[in-house]
Amino acid sequence: MNIFKALSMGKGRLNEENMSAMLGYLLSPRQPHGLGDLFLKRFLSTLNNFGGCNGRFDNVLDTKNPLEAEVLLEEPYSYLGKKWFVDLVIQIYTKGSSLNEKNEVHRIIIENKIHPQSSNFIQLKSEFLAVLEDLKSQQAQNTTDITMVFLTPDITIGPLQSEFSALLDSDLENHRKAWLKWTGDSSIISIIRSVLKDESIGDIDPISDYMRHTLKAFIRHVLDSQEELKNPSTIKSNDPGEIKEFVLARMDDVLYRIEQYDSSTIRVYNLETQENEVALPMLKRINIELQLGLDTHFSSGQPKNTRHLGKEIIRSLKEQGKAESNPST
């Protein structure tokens, strides 16, 4: 039995919050998993090998002392009046000059994407700017290094690339970003496997049978989930295929992504709740509230279906300049 597979069935399915919680549990030296700071150090070592991050964490890895770290889930930050909830925040400290003083030297922000369609291309950049503003408000000098980690499936898809690319090097200045995958080389799964391998040959202290089986079950669940995304033959028959075109629309300060798939299916995805809306009523609402002026019926009087109306709304949002644009500057 795989407990992760059981929990992912029906409405209790594992989502990004659940997966982030499991990852946060492993990353925190304070949790009773029996790994101490081992998983966190291997995570930092993996980031240390990414382009742009080479040697970034040497100052905390080149010591035999246990890492002083705090891991936070769904941490709220504010930027330009909008609240952003960061999936995972890792704050790493070193001892200060006085006995009880400690300095935050690294703040690692993990934006976790389990499903590519949950991508919001303004999110990673907005979260970075929100964290940067928060640090500047707390420190006279910015002495904490920020590293933005974009954690996604091991596939390439347009919206994911757009979100990662929207955070420019000119925005980062001395800070860094890295695109880490759940599977593949130098991934979360490869880190877990390295822990299991070293434990089996005695290179690290033994871990409990329960924790060992939990890690193996988690690996299997992640691999099965990712295979469904990469291999069309394993996807359910009601899957619409790949996104052919999408556009963003904002109503009541909520951002929606209207997606057209290569099968002509139209979906309206709520980027705040990370759920699909009932498409046709939402398309009609977008048409009214954004004053697109589209007729929801054909000349014969027959009502337009979701595919016809969705296609027209995507085109009208672009032509009328009412679509949300990519804030890449």
Foldseek 3Di string as FASTA:
>chain_A
DQVLVVCCPDPSRDDLLNVLVVVLLQCDLPHPQPCRNLLVLLLLVLQCPDVPNPPVCVVPNVDPDGWDKDKDAQDWFDDPRDIDGFGIWIWTWDADPDDPDIDTAEIETEHADEDLVLFDQCRQQRVVVRVVVVQVVVDVDNRHAYEYEYEYAPDDADRSVSNVLLNDCVNRVSHYYYYEYCDDPSHSLVSLVVVLVCLVVVVDPHTDPVSSVNSVSVSVVSVVSSCCVVPVVNDDPPDQAGFPDWFWADDPNWIWIWTQHPSLDTWIATSVVRHTDPQPVVLVVRCVVVVLPDDQADPVRHGDDRSVSSVVSRVSCVVVVRTDDRNSD
